[in-house]
Amino acid sequence: MNLCWVWRVNAMRILDYLSESSVLFPSSTNKQEILTQMAVKASQLGHGVDVQAFTKAIFEREAIMSTGIGLQIAIPHAKLPAIEDFFVVAAILGGDAEWDALDKKPVRLVFMIGGPADKQSDYLKILSKITLVIKNPARRKALMHAKDAAAVLAAFDEL
């Protein structure tokens, strides 16, 4: 393994892409509504997101294969040329959402990643940081029970 790559992954922080204003607590458990609400939030945060184009890309990706990765987590993602930099929008669901996940369990946590089409390695770094957090049972439980954005950000604080 290239040690330079390891250092670069460790130097990148999720909190560079996720803020209190990008954490949602949707009341809906409908997959399409949740994804649309998250895309609208990304647009409102000024990430250069065209809601219609981004939502279309997210739904097209979801149609290829569910982004429900198991452990009650979904990581929908899309990369488009018009998006200037990566962002993460998190949704902590109040109930179970059917997502056609790999483990056939409903989803409770959704981390939407968006970014430029030409930066696959940066996308993979962000994905690896999210994976570090959600694979930890204590952090995953804390996220599922988070009542505010500060609690969500605390789960990522050291990563």
C-alpha atoms as a PDB file:
ATOM      1  CA  MET A   1       0.000   0.000   0.000  1.00  0.00           C
ATOM      2  CA  ASN A   2       1.249   3.466  -0.874  1.00  0.00           C
ATOM      3  CA  LEU A   3       1.926   5.347   2.375  1.00  0.00           C
ATOM      4  CA  CYS A   4       1.334   8.675   0.648  1.00  0.00           C
ATOM      5  CA  TRP A   5      -2.209   7.556  -0.191  1.00  0.00           C
ATOM      6  CA  VAL A   6      -2.802   6.465   3.427  1.00  0.00           C
ATOM      7  CA  TRP A   7      -1.673   9.855   4.690  1.00  0.00           C
ATOM      8  CA  ARG A   8      -3.900  11.686   2.194  1.00  0.00           C
ATOM      9  CA  VAL A   9      -6.949   9.615   3.200  1.00  0.00           C
ATOM     10  CA  ASN A  10      -6.242  10.279   6.866  1.00  0.00           C
ATOM     11  CA  ALA A  11      -5.674  14.009   6.231  1.00  0.00           C
ATOM     12  CA  MET A  12      -9.113  14.412   4.622  1.00  0.00           C
ATOM     13  CA  ARG A  13     -11.943  14.912   7.113  1.00  0.00           C
ATOM     14  CA  ILE A  14     -15.655  14.277   6.589  1.00  0.00           C
ATOM     15  CA  LEU A  15     -16.394  17.493   8.471  1.00  0.00           C
ATOM     16  CA  ASP A  16     -14.833  19.324   5.510  1.00  0.00           C
ATOM     17  CA  TYR A  17     -17.883  18.130   3.520  1.00  0.00           C
ATOM     18  CA  LEU A  18     -20.596  17.751   6.182  1.00  0.00           C
ATOM     19  CA  SER A  19     -21.942  20.581   8.350  1.00  0.00           C
ATOM     20  CA  GLU A  20     -24.838  21.145  10.727  1.00  0.00           C
ATOM     21  CA  SER A  21     -26.834  22.678   7.884  1.00  0.00           C
ATOM     22  CA  SER A  22     -26.386  19.536   5.758  1.00  0.00           C
ATOM     23  CA  VAL A  23     -27.940  17.177   8.333  1.00  0.00           C
ATOM     24  CA  LEU A  24     -31.629  16.371   7.910  1.00  0.00           C
ATOM     25  CA  PHE A  25     -34.164  14.584  10.072  1.00  0.00           C
ATOM     26  CA  PRO A  26     -36.886  13.729   7.532  1.00  0.00           C
ATOM     27  CA  SER A  27     -40.260  12.577   8.779  1.00  0.00           C
ATOM     28  CA  SER A  28     -40.840  10.609   5.588  1.00  0.00           C
ATOM     29  CA  THR A  29     -39.781   6.992   5.207  1.00  0.00           C
ATOM     30  CA  ASN A  30     -40.402   7.031   1.448  1.00  0.00           C
ATOM     31  CA  LYS A  31     -37.131   6.505  -0.419  1.00  0.00           C
ATOM     32  CA  GLN A  32     -37.941   8.857  -3.312  1.00  0.00           C
ATOM     33  CA  GLU A  33     -39.117  11.632  -0.981  1.00  0.00           C
ATOM     34  CA  ILE A  34     -35.998  11.312   1.168  1.00  0.00           C
ATOM     35  CA  LEU A  35     -33.662  11.399  -1.844  1.00  0.00           C
ATOM     36  CA  THR A  36     -35.470  14.410  -3.309  1.00  0.00           C
ATOM     37  CA  GLN A  37     -35.395  16.266   0.007  1.00  0.00           C
ATOM     38  CA  MET A  38     -31.656  15.592   0.314  1.00  0.00           C
ATOM     39  CA  ALA A  39     -30.985  16.810  -3.252  1.00  0.00           C
ATOM     40  CA  VAL A  40     -32.966  19.994  -2.584  1.00  0.00           C
ATOM     41  CA  LYS A  41     -30.913  20.563   0.572  1.00  0.00           C
ATOM     42  CA  ALA A  42     -27.667  20.132  -1.408  1.00  0.00           C
ATOM     43  CA  SER A  43     -28.893  22.770  -3.860  1.00  0.00           C
ATOM     44  CA  GLN A  44     -29.850  25.160  -1.058  1.00  0.00           C
ATOM     45  CA  LEU A  45     -26.390  24.843   0.448  1.00  0.00           C
ATOM     46  CA  GLY A  46     -24.829  26.287  -2.678  1.00  0.00           C
ATOM     47  CA  HIS A  47     -22.924  23.304  -3.993  1.00  0.00           C
ATOM     48  CA  GLY A  48     -23.716  24.144  -7.618  1.00  0.00           C
ATOM     49  CA  VAL A  49     -26.365  21.442  -7.673  1.00  0.00           C
ATOM     50  CA  ASP A  50     -29.120  21.619 -10.247  1.00  0.00           C
ATOM     51  CA  VAL A  51     -31.869  19.818  -8.319  1.00  0.00           C
ATOM     52  CA  GLN A  52     -33.481  18.296 -11.385  1.00  0.00           C
ATOM     53  CA  ALA A  53     -30.224  16.987 -12.898  1.00  0.00           C
ATOM     54  CA  PHE A  54     -28.861  15.760  -9.583  1.00  0.00           C
ATOM     55  CA  THR A  55     -32.094  14.041  -8.563  1.00  0.00           C
ATOM     56  CA  LYS A  56     -32.255  12.367 -11.968  1.00  0.00           C
ATOM     57  CA  ALA A  57     -28.649  11.136 -11.572  1.00  0.00           C
ATOM     58  CA  ILE A  58     -29.373   9.846  -8.054  1.00  0.00           C
ATOM     59  CA  PHE A  59     -32.498   7.963  -9.201  1.00  0.00           C
ATOM     60  CA  GLU A  60     -30.677   6.532 -12.230  1.00  0.00           C
ATOM     61  CA  ARG A  61     -27.885   5.277  -9.968  1.00  0.00           C
ATOM     62  CA  GLU A  62     -30.423   3.784  -7.586  1.00  0.00           C
ATOM     63  CA  ALA A  63     -32.138   1.995 -10.501  1.00  0.00           C
ATOM     64  CA  ILE A  64     -28.864   0.279 -11.435  1.00  0.00           C
ATOM     65  CA  MET A  65     -28.369  -1.118  -7.936  1.00  0.00           C
ATOM     66  CA  SER A  66     -29.600  -0.130  -4.513  1.00  0.00           C
ATOM     67  CA  THR A  67     -27.275   2.068  -2.507  1.00  0.00           C
ATOM     68  CA  GLY A  68     -28.556   0.364   0.648  1.00  0.00           C
ATOM     69  CA  ILE A  69     -25.278  -1.234   1.706  1.00  0.00           C
ATOM     70  CA  GLY A  70     -26.551  -3.064   4.783  1.00  0.00           C
ATOM     71  CA  LEU A  71     -26.452  -2.295   8.512  1.00  0.00           C
ATOM     72  CA  GLN A  72     -29.466  -0.008   7.893  1.00  0.00           C
ATOM     73  CA  ILE A  73     -27.295   2.393   5.873  1.00  0.00           C
ATOM     74  CA  ALA A  74     -27.690   3.827   2.368  1.00  0.00           C
ATOM     75  CA  ILE A  75     -25.061   5.865   0.531  1.00  0.00           C
ATOM     76  CA  PRO A  76     -26.668   7.338  -2.596  1.00  0.00           C
ATOM     77  CA  HIS A  77     -24.221   9.221  -4.772  1.00  0.00           C
ATOM     78  CA  ALA A  78     -23.841  11.042  -8.047  1.00  0.00           C
ATOM     79  CA  LYS A  79     -21.041  12.908  -9.737  1.00  0.00           C
ATOM     80  CA  LEU A  80     -21.847  15.575 -12.321  1.00  0.00           C
ATOM     81  CA  PRO A  81     -19.586  17.930 -14.308  1.00  0.00           C
ATOM     82  CA  ALA A  82     -21.453  21.026 -13.063  1.00  0.00           C
ATOM     83  CA  ILE A  83     -20.715  20.286  -9.385  1.00  0.00           C
ATOM     84  CA  GLU A  84     -17.525  22.051  -8.323  1.00  0.00           C
ATOM     85  CA  ASP A  85     -16.644  20.243  -5.096  1.00  0.00           C
ATOM     86  CA  PHE A  86     -17.780  17.274  -3.051  1.00  0.00           C
ATOM     87  CA  PHE A  87     -20.441  17.484  -0.381  1.00  0.00           C
ATOM     88  CA  VAL A  88     -22.229  15.128   1.989  1.00  0.00           C
ATOM     89  CA  VAL A  89     -25.840  15.447   3.102  1.00  0.00           C
ATOM     90  CA  ALA A  90     -26.862  13.189   5.984  1.00  0.00           C
ATOM     91  CA  ALA A  91     -30.394  12.074   6.818  1.00  0.00           C
ATOM     92  CA  ILE A  92     -31.254  10.465  10.134  1.00  0.00           C
ATOM     93  CA  LEU A  93     -34.596   8.766   9.622  1.00  0.00           C
ATOM     94  CA  GLY A  94     -37.239   8.579  12.325  1.00  0.00           C
ATOM     95  CA  GLY A  95     -38.461   5.217  11.021  1.00  0.00           C
ATOM     96  CA  ASP A  96     -37.541   2.371   8.731  1.00  0.00           C
ATOM     97  CA  ALA A  97     -37.348   3.113   5.000  1.00  0.00           C
ATOM     98  CA  GLU A  98     -37.524   0.315   2.447  1.00  0.00           C
ATOM     99  CA  TRP A  99     -34.435   0.640   0.258  1.00  0.00           C
ATOM    100  CA  ASP A 100     -33.969  -2.788  -1.298  1.00  0.00           C
ATOM    101  CA  ALA A 101     -30.713  -3.001   0.675  1.00  0.00           C
ATOM    102  CA  LEU A 102     -28.194  -5.767   0.162  1.00  0.00           C
ATOM    103  CA  ASP A 103     -29.067  -7.332   3.526  1.00  0.00           C
ATOM    104  CA  LYS A 104     -32.840  -6.865   2.884  1.00  0.00           C
ATOM    105  CA  LYS A 105     -33.158  -4.702   6.031  1.00  0.00           C
ATOM    106  CA  PRO A 106     -34.730  -1.244   6.044  1.00  0.00           C
ATOM    107  CA  VAL A 107     -32.560   1.873   6.131  1.00  0.00           C
ATOM    108  CA  ARG A 108     -32.298   4.352   9.017  1.00  0.00           C
ATOM    109  CA  LEU A 109     -29.207   6.372   8.001  1.00  0.00           C
ATOM    110  CA  VAL A 110     -28.607   7.940   4.584  1.00  0.00           C
ATOM    111  CA  PHE A 111     -25.399   9.659   3.516  1.00  0.00           C
ATOM    112  CA  MET A 112     -25.713  11.321   0.118  1.00  0.00           C
ATOM    113  CA  ILE A 113     -22.449  12.146  -1.639  1.00  0.00           C
ATOM    114  CA  GLY A 114     -22.268  14.500  -4.576  1.00  0.00           C
ATOM    115  CA  GLY A 115     -19.335  15.902  -6.464  1.00  0.00           C
ATOM    116  CA  PRO A 116     -17.478  16.519  -9.694  1.00  0.00           C
ATOM    117  CA  ALA A 117     -17.536  13.796 -12.323  1.00  0.00           C
ATOM    118  CA  ASP A 118     -13.772  13.771 -12.788  1.00  0.00           C
ATOM    119  CA  LYS A 119     -12.631  13.124  -9.204  1.00  0.00           C
ATOM    120  CA  GLN A 120     -13.231   9.439  -8.486  1.00  0.00           C
ATOM    121  CA  SER A 121     -10.329   9.143  -6.019  1.00  0.00           C
ATOM    122  CA  ASP A 122     -11.732  11.956  -3.844  1.00  0.00           C
ATOM    123  CA  TYR A 123     -15.120  10.250  -3.877  1.00  0.00           C
ATOM    124  CA  LEU A 124     -13.511   7.006  -2.696  1.00  0.00           C
ATOM    125  CA  LYS A 125     -11.756   8.836   0.165  1.00  0.00           C
ATOM    126  CA  ILE A 126     -15.040  10.318   1.367  1.00  0.00           C
ATOM    127  CA  LEU A 127     -16.748   6.939   1.070  1.00  0.00           C
ATOM    128  CA  SER A 128     -13.987   5.262   3.084  1.00  0.00           C
ATOM    129  CA  LYS A 129     -14.327   7.812   5.910  1.00  0.00           C
ATOM    130  CA  ILE A 130     -18.087   7.310   6.086  1.00  0.00           C
ATOM    131  CA  THR A 131     -17.556   3.546   6.083  1.00  0.00           C
ATOM    132  CA  LEU A 132     -15.135   3.820   9.023  1.00  0.00           C
ATOM    133  CA  VAL A 133     -17.839   5.515  11.081  1.00  0.00           C
ATOM    134  CA  ILE A 134     -20.766   3.283  10.167  1.00  0.00           C
ATOM    135  CA  LYS A 135     -18.868   0.025  10.646  1.00  0.00           C
ATOM    136  CA  ASN A 136     -18.306   0.971  14.286  1.00  0.00           C
ATOM    137  CA  PRO A 137     -21.393  -0.340  16.164  1.00  0.00           C
ATOM    138  CA  ALA A 138     -21.240   2.329  18.885  1.00  0.00           C
ATOM    139  CA  ARG A 139     -20.973   5.197  16.401  1.00  0.00           C
ATOM    140  CA  ARG A 140     -23.689   3.720  14.190  1.00  0.00           C
ATOM    141  CA  LYS A 141     -26.015   3.429  17.194  1.00  0.00           C
ATOM    142  CA  ALA A 142     -25.208   6.994  18.251  1.00  0.00           C
ATOM    143  CA  LEU A 143     -26.050   8.220  14.746  1.00  0.00           C
ATOM    144  CA  MET A 144     -29.361   6.332  14.685  1.00  0.00           C
ATOM    145  CA  HIS A 145     -30.334   7.916  18.003  1.00  0.00           C
ATOM    146  CA  ALA A 146     -29.032  11.410  17.236  1.00  0.00           C
ATOM    147  CA  LYS A 147     -31.583  14.121  17.952  1.00  0.00           C
ATOM    148  CA  ASP A 148     -29.696  17.057  16.473  1.00  0.00           C
ATOM    149  CA  ALA A 149     -27.017  17.883  13.925  1.00  0.00           C
ATOM    150  CA  ALA A 150     -24.333  18.411  16.574  1.00  0.00           C
ATOM    151  CA  ALA A 151     -24.714  14.777  17.680  1.00  0.00           C
ATOM    152  CA  VAL A 152     -24.317  13.621  14.074  1.00  0.00           C
ATOM    153  CA  LEU A 153     -21.190  15.693  13.562  1.00  0.00           C
ATOM    154  CA  ALA A 154     -19.732  14.378  16.834  1.00  0.00           C
ATOM    155  CA  ALA A 155     -19.722  10.857  15.378  1.00  0.00           C
ATOM    156  CA  PHE A 156     -17.363  12.109  12.655  1.00  0.00           C
ATOM    157  CA  ASP A 157     -15.348  14.499  14.806  1.00  0.00           C
ATOM    158  CA  GLU A 158     -12.120  12.494  14.985  1.00  0.00           C
ATOM    159  CA  LEU A 159     -12.274  11.209  11.412  1.00  0.00           C
END
